[in-house]
Amino acid sequence: MCASVVVSCPGSANAQEQKIGAPPEAVNMRLVGYNDLQGRSAYQPTIHHQGNRYIAYIGHHGGTPEVPKPMNSLTGQPEFNGTSIVDVTDPAHPRFLAHIPGTPGNYEEGGSQMTRVCDGKNLPKGDPSKTYLLRVFGGKSHQIFDVSDPAKPQLVWERQGELKDTHKSWWECDTGIGYLVSGVPGWRVNRMTEIYDMSDPAHPVKIRDFGLPGQEPASTGPVPEQLHGMISLGVQANRVYFGYGTNKGGAMQIVDRQKLLNGPKEPTPENLRYPEVGRLTMTPWNGAHTTFPMLKMPIAEFAKDSEGSQRDIVMIVDEQIRNECQEPRQMAWFVDVTIEAHPMVISNFQVPEASGNFCSRGGRFGTHASNESMAPVFYKKVAFLSYFNAGVRA
């Protein structure tokens, strides 16, 4: 995807096989606005209500061999793909504000794929007048920018020491705790978790490293699949949901947040197991790319039951990797974690291939990720899934 699009959801249409020059296919969605992002391949967008505006912070993959450094039309200079900042207050007319360059490298090797944003007024030690962007700096590091003026981002912190990789981190804006997907040298996987107190964005303090037993330094035997990302529900729920194995041999891990932050920190097998309260081990065919928790979901069919009328659900989405259906199908899985020690898959969602002849269209067919917003307008009501050549599904 090399553009930012904004959609709304009236109307109806039937999916048909793609034809060159044909109009976009849509069912209960329509295109409202568009920005070409200077031709940069978009990955993770974070939409943030900032003052009286809505600002999109969009992470990019690296460039291509043909165009390793697209032109920044605002400066007239070619720049490695990084983070685009777009004013989307008027969805019909998105306005490109700034581009923060990332690291050299094409595709997954460069760029700055991930973004998280917190207001200083919510962070315990943040400047109330400021807004902060946490992003990865390629696979090498993590950075925090002051984006109070989104057109003029200013670097305020960078993690020192080169990592083996980075990916999809999480930042609790009310506490400042940051769960950073990192590749700390010595660990047996390229992605594990570094936890920082980032309540003062200019001076983060490391708390600990974390991963699955068998991933830690000096361990032996089989190595569990590496981390993809996590989602924390913060202090009140006291749970963090980790996803391992993007598209194979995956696991969804439920962790006691307080034990994770305050328990013994040396990465021994015993200490790594200590905060875990539940784990779902997936098949060799599927992974856990995104683990999106939806607790206390009312189940209409169970409304009259004396117990269990509400269930804690985690939506797991795994990522299709190969083109044209050349591997097991990836999809969205719904897991009942009400009894945390015994997670159970209760249903799944997938797009029928025959509805659009998706295996023969070219590119990937299957899920990639879900939205991660907990805004009341959609949370626990409508989920949005990125589905590669089958588009966006809700």
Protein backbone atom coordinates (compact mmCIF):
# COMPACT_ATOMS: atom_id res chain seq x y z
CA MET A 1 0.00 0.00 0.00
CA CYS A 2 1.53 3.30 -1.11
CA ALA A 3 -1.11 5.76 0.01
CA SER A 4 -3.28 6.83 2.90
CA VAL A 5 -7.01 6.42 2.38
CA VAL A 6 -10.02 7.46 4.44
CA VAL A 7 -13.27 5.50 4.11
CA SER A 8 -16.82 5.75 5.37
CA CYS A 9 -19.43 3.03 5.41
CA PRO A 10 -22.69 3.67 3.53
CA GLY A 11 -23.74 2.13 0.24
CA SER A 12 -23.39 -1.37 -1.15
CA ALA A 13 -21.71 -3.18 -4.05
CA ASN A 14 -20.88 -6.71 -5.13
CA ALA A 15 -17.29 -7.92 -5.14
CA GLN A 16 -16.08 -8.83 -8.63
CA GLU A 17 -12.77 -9.97 -10.03
CA GLN A 18 -10.35 -7.09 -10.55
CA LYS A 19 -9.86 -5.70 -14.03
CA ILE A 20 -7.25 -3.15 -15.05
CA GLY A 21 -8.88 0.25 -15.12
CA ALA A 22 -11.98 -0.92 -13.26
CA PRO A 23 -13.28 1.24 -10.40
CA PRO A 24 -12.47 0.21 -6.81
CA GLU A 25 -14.61 -2.56 -5.36
CA ALA A 26 -16.61 -1.65 -2.25
CA VAL A 27 -19.32 -3.10 -0.04
CA ASN A 28 -20.74 -0.71 2.57
CA MET A 29 -17.64 1.50 2.30
CA ARG A 30 -16.67 4.40 0.07
CA LEU A 31 -13.49 6.35 -0.50
CA VAL A 32 -13.60 9.79 1.12
CA GLY A 33 -10.04 11.10 0.85
CA TYR A 34 -6.61 10.18 -0.45
CA ASN A 35 -2.96 11.18 -0.11
CA ASP A 36 -0.13 9.60 -2.09
CA LEU A 37 2.37 9.93 0.80
CA GLN A 38 5.07 10.93 -1.68
CA GLY A 39 4.96 7.40 -3.11
CA ARG A 40 6.11 5.78 0.15
CA SER A 41 4.83 2.31 1.11
CA ALA A 42 2.61 2.73 4.18
CA TYR A 43 2.49 0.32 7.09
CA GLN A 44 1.20 1.39 10.53
CA PRO A 45 -0.99 4.50 10.84
CA THR A 46 -1.75 6.07 14.22
CA ILE A 47 -4.56 8.66 14.20
CA HIS A 48 -4.27 11.14 17.08
CA HIS A 49 -6.68 13.87 18.21
CA GLN A 50 -4.27 16.74 18.73
CA GLY A 51 -5.74 20.07 19.83
CA ASN A 52 -8.53 20.81 17.37
CA ARG A 53 -7.02 18.61 14.66
CA TYR A 54 -6.69 14.93 13.80
CA ILE A 55 -3.15 13.98 12.81
CA ALA A 56 -2.10 10.72 11.15
CA TYR A 57 1.40 9.43 11.95
CA ILE A 58 2.18 6.82 9.29
CA GLY A 59 5.11 4.42 9.44
CA HIS A 60 6.77 3.30 6.22
CA HIS A 61 8.66 0.28 5.00
CA GLY A 62 11.99 0.96 3.31
CA GLY A 63 12.18 1.99 -0.32
CA THR A 64 12.64 -0.15 -3.42
CA PRO A 65 15.72 -0.86 -5.55
CA GLU A 66 14.20 1.38 -8.22
CA VAL A 67 13.38 4.25 -5.80
CA PRO A 68 15.40 3.85 -2.58
CA LYS A 69 14.92 7.51 -1.59
CA PRO A 70 11.64 9.07 -2.76
CA MET A 71 11.52 12.83 -3.11
CA ASN A 72 10.20 14.88 -0.19
CA SER A 73 8.11 17.43 -2.06
CA LEU A 74 8.14 19.76 0.97
CA THR A 75 11.95 20.07 1.05
CA GLY A 76 12.91 19.13 -2.49
CA GLN A 77 15.30 16.50 -1.13
CA PRO A 78 15.27 12.70 -1.61
CA GLU A 79 14.85 10.93 1.74
CA PHE A 80 14.86 7.34 2.96
CA ASN A 81 11.35 6.26 3.92
CA GLY A 82 10.50 6.99 7.54
CA THR A 83 7.39 8.53 9.12
CA SER A 84 4.85 10.70 7.32
CA ILE A 85 2.73 13.18 9.27
CA VAL A 86 -0.61 14.06 7.68
CA ASP A 87 -3.41 16.38 8.86
CA VAL A 88 -6.62 14.38 8.32
CA THR A 89 -8.99 16.77 10.10
CA ASP A 90 -10.82 17.18 6.81
CA PRO A 91 -10.95 13.57 5.60
CA ALA A 92 -11.73 14.64 2.06
CA HIS A 93 -8.59 16.77 1.85
CA PRO A 94 -5.68 15.21 3.82
CA ARG A 95 -2.75 17.62 4.08
CA PHE A 96 0.86 16.35 4.15
CA LEU A 97 2.75 18.16 6.94
CA ALA A 98 6.15 16.52 7.35
CA HIS A 99 8.30 13.47 6.71
CA ILE A 100 10.87 12.18 9.22
CA PRO A 101 13.49 10.09 7.37
CA GLY A 102 14.16 6.53 8.50
CA THR A 103 17.10 4.20 8.01
CA PRO A 104 18.61 3.16 4.66
CA GLY A 105 17.46 -0.13 3.21
CA ASN A 106 14.72 -1.51 1.00
CA TYR A 107 11.47 -3.11 2.08
CA GLU A 108 11.74 -4.64 5.59
CA GLU A 109 15.41 -3.66 5.87
CA GLY A 110 14.84 0.08 6.16
CA GLY A 111 12.30 2.77 6.90
CA SER A 112 10.43 3.30 10.16
CA GLN A 113 7.39 1.05 10.21
CA MET A 114 5.79 1.62 13.62
CA THR A 115 4.24 4.59 15.43
CA ARG A 116 2.65 5.30 18.84
CA VAL A 117 1.59 8.73 20.13
CA CYS A 118 1.00 10.10 23.65
CA ASP A 119 0.08 13.56 24.94
CA GLY A 120 2.36 15.02 27.59
CA LYS A 121 -0.66 15.97 29.71
CA ASN A 122 -1.37 12.24 30.18
CA LEU A 123 2.18 11.07 30.82
CA PRO A 124 3.13 11.29 34.54
CA LYS A 125 6.30 13.31 33.82
CA GLY A 126 5.52 14.68 30.38
CA ASP A 127 5.29 18.35 29.44
CA PRO A 128 1.52 19.08 29.42
CA SER A 129 1.93 21.37 26.43
CA LYS A 130 3.58 18.71 24.24
CA THR A 131 2.70 15.65 22.18
CA TYR A 132 5.19 12.81 21.70
CA LEU A 133 5.74 10.26 18.92
CA LEU A 134 7.40 6.91 19.68
CA ARG A 135 8.68 5.17 16.56
CA VAL A 136 11.14 2.50 15.50
CA PHE A 137 14.23 3.66 13.64
CA GLY A 138 14.44 0.87 11.10
CA GLY A 139 15.50 -2.34 12.80
CA LYS A 140 18.25 -0.58 14.70
CA SER A 141 16.70 1.51 17.46
CA HIS A 142 13.72 3.35 18.98
CA GLN A 143 13.16 7.11 19.00
CA ILE A 144 10.85 9.65 20.63
CA PHE A 145 9.99 12.93 18.89
CA ASP A 146 8.30 16.08 20.14
CA VAL A 147 5.48 16.52 17.62
CA SER A 148 3.63 19.31 19.42
CA ASP A 149 3.93 21.14 16.12
CA PRO A 150 3.38 18.17 13.81
CA ALA A 151 4.91 20.08 10.91
CA LYS A 152 8.19 20.47 12.84
CA PRO A 153 9.05 17.23 14.68
CA GLN A 154 12.04 17.38 17.04
CA LEU A 155 14.04 14.36 18.28
CA VAL A 156 14.12 14.15 22.10
CA TRP A 157 15.42 10.60 22.74
CA GLU A 158 17.00 7.66 20.96
CA ARG A 159 17.83 4.26 22.41
CA GLN A 160 21.59 3.78 22.37
CA GLY A 161 23.20 0.60 21.06
CA GLU A 162 22.22 -1.14 17.86
CA LEU A 163 19.52 -3.81 17.98
CA LYS A 164 19.05 -6.87 15.77
CA ASP A 165 15.50 -5.83 14.88
CA THR A 166 12.44 -3.88 16.03
CA HIS A 167 8.72 -4.07 15.39
CA LYS A 168 5.29 -3.22 16.80
CA SER A 169 5.67 -1.68 20.26
CA TRP A 170 3.05 -0.45 22.77
CA TRP A 171 3.04 2.70 24.93
CA GLU A 172 0.74 3.22 27.91
CA CYS A 173 0.00 6.94 27.84
CA ASP A 174 -1.41 7.09 31.39
CA THR A 175 1.59 5.40 33.05
CA GLY A 176 4.36 5.93 30.51
CA ILE A 177 5.31 2.24 30.44
CA GLY A 178 6.66 1.31 27.02
CA TYR A 179 6.81 -2.27 25.76
CA LEU A 180 9.38 -2.12 22.97
CA VAL A 181 9.77 -4.90 20.43
CA SER A 182 13.55 -5.18 20.18
CA GLY A 183 16.33 -7.54 19.24
CA VAL A 184 18.76 -7.23 22.13
CA PRO A 185 22.13 -8.81 21.25
CA GLY A 186 22.61 -12.12 23.05
CA TRP A 187 18.97 -13.17 22.89
CA ARG A 188 18.29 -16.14 20.63
CA VAL A 189 15.58 -14.39 18.61
CA ASN A 190 15.58 -11.14 16.66
CA ARG A 191 12.47 -9.86 18.41
CA MET A 192 11.71 -9.92 22.14
CA THR A 193 10.51 -7.28 24.62
CA GLU A 194 12.37 -4.44 26.30
CA ILE A 195 10.28 -2.66 28.93
CA TYR A 196 10.97 1.00 29.71
CA ASP A 197 9.53 3.62 32.02
CA MET A 198 8.92 6.34 29.43
CA SER A 199 6.85 8.61 31.66
CA ASP A 200 9.52 11.27 31.03
CA PRO A 201 9.91 10.99 27.25
CA ALA A 202 13.28 12.73 27.29
CA HIS A 203 14.74 10.32 29.87
CA PRO A 204 13.32 6.77 29.57
CA VAL A 205 14.57 4.24 32.14
CA LYS A 206 14.87 0.57 31.30
CA ILE A 207 12.99 -1.84 33.56
CA ARG A 208 13.74 -5.29 32.11
CA ASP A 209 13.96 -7.67 29.16
CA PHE A 210 11.24 -10.28 28.58
CA GLY A 211 10.46 -13.18 26.27
CA LEU A 212 9.44 -16.82 26.22
CA PRO A 213 11.63 -19.36 28.03
CA GLY A 214 14.10 -20.71 25.50
CA GLN A 215 14.61 -17.33 23.85
CA GLU A 216 16.84 -15.89 26.56
CA PRO A 217 20.66 -15.73 26.41
CA ALA A 218 22.53 -18.94 27.29
CA SER A 219 19.43 -21.11 26.96
CA THR A 220 19.57 -24.32 24.94
CA GLY A 221 17.15 -26.51 23.04
CA PRO A 222 14.38 -25.46 20.65
CA VAL A 223 13.78 -21.72 20.25
CA PRO A 224 10.14 -20.56 20.40
CA GLU A 225 8.92 -18.34 17.56
CA GLN A 226 9.90 -14.71 18.03
CA LEU A 227 7.66 -11.89 19.22
CA HIS A 228 5.55 -9.81 16.86
CA GLY A 229 3.87 -7.38 19.25
CA MET A 230 1.76 -6.86 22.34
CA ILE A 231 -1.22 -4.91 23.66
CA SER A 232 -1.50 -3.79 27.28
CA LEU A 233 -4.78 -3.06 29.05
CA GLY A 234 -2.93 -1.09 31.71
CA VAL A 235 -3.22 -0.85 35.47
CA GLN A 236 -6.91 -1.59 35.95
CA ALA A 237 -7.11 -4.83 33.98
CA ASN A 238 -3.51 -5.72 34.94
CA ARG A 239 -2.99 -7.73 31.77
CA VAL A 240 -0.67 -7.63 28.75
CA TYR A 241 -1.37 -9.81 25.69
CA PHE A 242 1.70 -10.88 23.69
CA GLY A 243 1.65 -12.37 20.19
CA TYR A 244 4.44 -14.63 18.93
CA GLY A 245 5.00 -16.22 15.52
CA THR A 246 3.69 -14.02 12.74
CA ASN A 247 2.30 -16.83 10.58
CA LYS A 248 3.52 -20.15 12.00
CA GLY A 249 4.03 -21.93 15.30
CA GLY A 250 2.45 -19.02 17.13
CA ALA A 251 1.46 -18.37 20.72
CA MET A 252 -0.77 -15.89 22.50
CA GLN A 253 0.57 -15.21 26.00
CA ILE A 254 -1.44 -13.60 28.82
CA VAL A 255 0.78 -11.85 31.36
CA ASP A 256 0.13 -10.33 34.78
CA ARG A 257 1.30 -6.75 34.27
CA GLN A 258 2.20 -6.08 37.90
CA LYS A 259 4.30 -9.23 38.17
CA LEU A 260 5.95 -8.41 34.85
CA LEU A 261 7.00 -4.93 35.98
CA ASN A 262 7.77 -5.65 39.64
CA GLY A 263 8.84 -9.29 39.66
CA PRO A 264 12.37 -10.71 39.40
CA LYS A 265 14.02 -9.34 36.29
CA GLU A 266 16.98 -11.57 35.48
CA PRO A 267 15.96 -13.45 32.29
CA THR A 268 16.01 -16.98 33.69
CA PRO A 269 13.40 -19.56 32.67
CA GLU A 270 11.78 -19.30 36.10
CA ASN A 271 11.60 -15.50 36.03
CA LEU A 272 10.23 -15.47 32.47
CA ARG A 273 7.47 -17.91 33.48
CA TYR A 274 6.61 -16.03 36.69
CA PRO A 275 4.22 -13.37 35.26
CA GLU A 276 2.46 -15.70 32.80
CA VAL A 277 -1.15 -16.55 33.66
CA GLY A 278 -2.19 -18.21 30.40
CA ARG A 279 -0.96 -19.26 26.99
CA LEU A 280 -2.57 -20.50 23.79
CA THR A 281 -0.21 -22.56 21.65
CA MET A 282 -1.24 -22.36 18.02
CA THR A 283 -0.65 -24.85 15.23
CA PRO A 284 2.51 -24.94 13.09
CA TRP A 285 0.33 -23.40 10.34
CA ASN A 286 -0.68 -20.25 12.20
CA GLY A 287 0.82 -17.41 14.21
CA ALA A 288 -0.23 -14.51 16.40
CA HIS A 289 0.48 -11.24 14.59
CA THR A 290 -2.05 -9.11 16.51
CA THR A 291 -3.62 -10.01 19.88
CA PHE A 292 -6.51 -7.59 20.46
CA PRO A 293 -8.29 -8.00 23.84
CA MET A 294 -12.01 -7.32 24.29
CA LEU A 295 -12.93 -8.09 27.89
CA LYS A 296 -16.42 -8.48 29.37
CA MET A 297 -18.11 -9.02 26.03
CA PRO A 298 -21.86 -9.58 26.51
CA ILE A 299 -22.99 -12.75 24.71
CA ALA A 300 -26.66 -12.43 23.73
CA GLU A 301 -27.24 -16.19 23.61
CA PHE A 302 -25.96 -16.52 27.19
CA ALA A 303 -27.88 -13.53 28.61
CA LYS A 304 -30.14 -15.71 30.80
CA ASP A 305 -27.35 -17.96 32.06
CA SER A 306 -26.47 -17.73 35.75
CA GLU A 307 -22.76 -17.72 34.87
CA GLY A 308 -20.73 -16.82 31.82
CA SER A 309 -23.08 -14.29 30.23
CA GLN A 310 -20.04 -12.11 29.64
CA ARG A 311 -16.83 -13.49 28.17
CA ASP A 312 -13.29 -12.18 27.83
CA ILE A 313 -12.33 -12.43 24.17
CA VAL A 314 -9.01 -11.95 22.38
CA MET A 315 -9.05 -11.56 18.60
CA ILE A 316 -5.88 -13.07 17.13
CA VAL A 317 -4.97 -12.16 13.57
CA ASP A 318 -2.08 -13.82 11.75
CA GLU A 319 -0.27 -12.60 8.63
CA GLN A 320 -0.29 -14.19 5.20
CA ILE A 321 3.28 -14.15 3.85
CA ARG A 322 3.38 -15.91 0.46
CA ASN A 323 1.61 -14.77 -2.67
CA GLU A 324 -1.27 -16.54 -4.42
CA CYS A 325 -2.23 -19.00 -1.66
CA GLN A 326 1.12 -20.84 -1.55
CA GLU A 327 0.86 -21.55 2.20
CA PRO A 328 -1.84 -22.32 4.80
CA ARG A 329 -4.59 -19.69 4.98
CA GLN A 330 -4.24 -17.01 7.66
CA MET A 331 -7.38 -15.53 9.25
CA ALA A 332 -8.89 -13.96 12.38
CA TRP A 333 -9.37 -16.21 15.39
CA PHE A 334 -11.61 -15.43 18.37
CA VAL A 335 -10.34 -16.87 21.63
CA ASP A 336 -12.30 -17.13 24.90
CA VAL A 337 -9.84 -16.27 27.69
CA THR A 338 -12.41 -15.96 30.49
CA ILE A 339 -10.64 -18.88 32.16
CA GLU A 340 -7.16 -17.50 31.57
CA ALA A 341 -5.30 -20.73 32.25
CA HIS A 342 -7.29 -22.45 29.50
CA PRO A 343 -7.75 -20.21 26.43
CA MET A 344 -10.04 -21.74 23.81
CA VAL A 345 -10.60 -20.83 20.16
CA ILE A 346 -14.37 -20.47 19.70
CA SER A 347 -14.67 -19.14 16.13
CA ASN A 348 -12.85 -17.65 13.18
CA PHE A 349 -13.49 -15.21 10.36
CA GLN A 350 -12.24 -15.45 6.81
CA VAL A 351 -13.14 -14.12 3.38
CA PRO A 352 -14.30 -16.82 0.94
CA GLU A 353 -11.74 -17.11 -1.84
CA ALA A 354 -14.42 -17.68 -4.48
CA SER A 355 -16.03 -14.32 -3.69
CA GLY A 356 -13.28 -12.63 -5.68
CA ASN A 357 -11.01 -15.32 -7.14
CA PHE A 358 -8.37 -13.95 -4.78
CA CYS A 359 -5.82 -16.76 -5.19
CA SER A 360 -5.40 -15.88 -8.86
CA ARG A 361 -5.37 -12.07 -8.58
CA GLY A 362 -1.72 -11.79 -7.68
CA GLY A 363 -0.27 -10.81 -4.34
CA ARG A 364 -1.24 -12.21 -0.97
CA PHE A 365 -4.70 -13.41 0.04
CA GLY A 366 -5.33 -13.67 3.77
CA THR A 367 -5.29 -11.52 6.86
CA HIS A 368 -2.53 -9.22 8.01
CA ALA A 369 -3.69 -7.34 11.11
CA SER A 370 -6.64 -5.75 12.89
CA ASN A 371 -7.25 -2.23 14.07
CA GLU A 372 -6.06 -1.66 17.66
CA SER A 373 -8.18 1.33 18.66
CA MET A 374 -10.30 1.02 21.81
CA ALA A 375 -12.35 4.14 21.04
CA PRO A 376 -15.97 3.47 22.10
CA VAL A 377 -17.38 4.15 18.63
CA PHE A 378 -16.18 0.76 17.34
CA TYR A 379 -14.59 -1.15 20.25
CA LYS A 380 -16.34 -4.50 20.84
CA LYS A 381 -18.77 -3.64 18.01
CA VAL A 382 -16.93 -3.59 14.69
CA ALA A 383 -13.45 -4.91 13.93
CA PHE A 384 -11.45 -3.82 10.89
CA LEU A 385 -9.08 -6.27 9.21
CA SER A 386 -6.43 -5.65 6.57
CA TYR A 387 -6.77 -8.46 4.04
CA PHE A 388 -4.12 -7.82 1.37
CA ASN A 389 -5.65 -8.29 -2.09
CA ALA A 390 -9.12 -8.74 -0.56
CA GLY A 391 -8.97 -5.18 0.78
CA VAL A 392 -10.19 -3.91 4.15
CA ARG A 393 -12.87 -5.99 5.87
CA ALA A 394 -15.15 -4.98 8.73
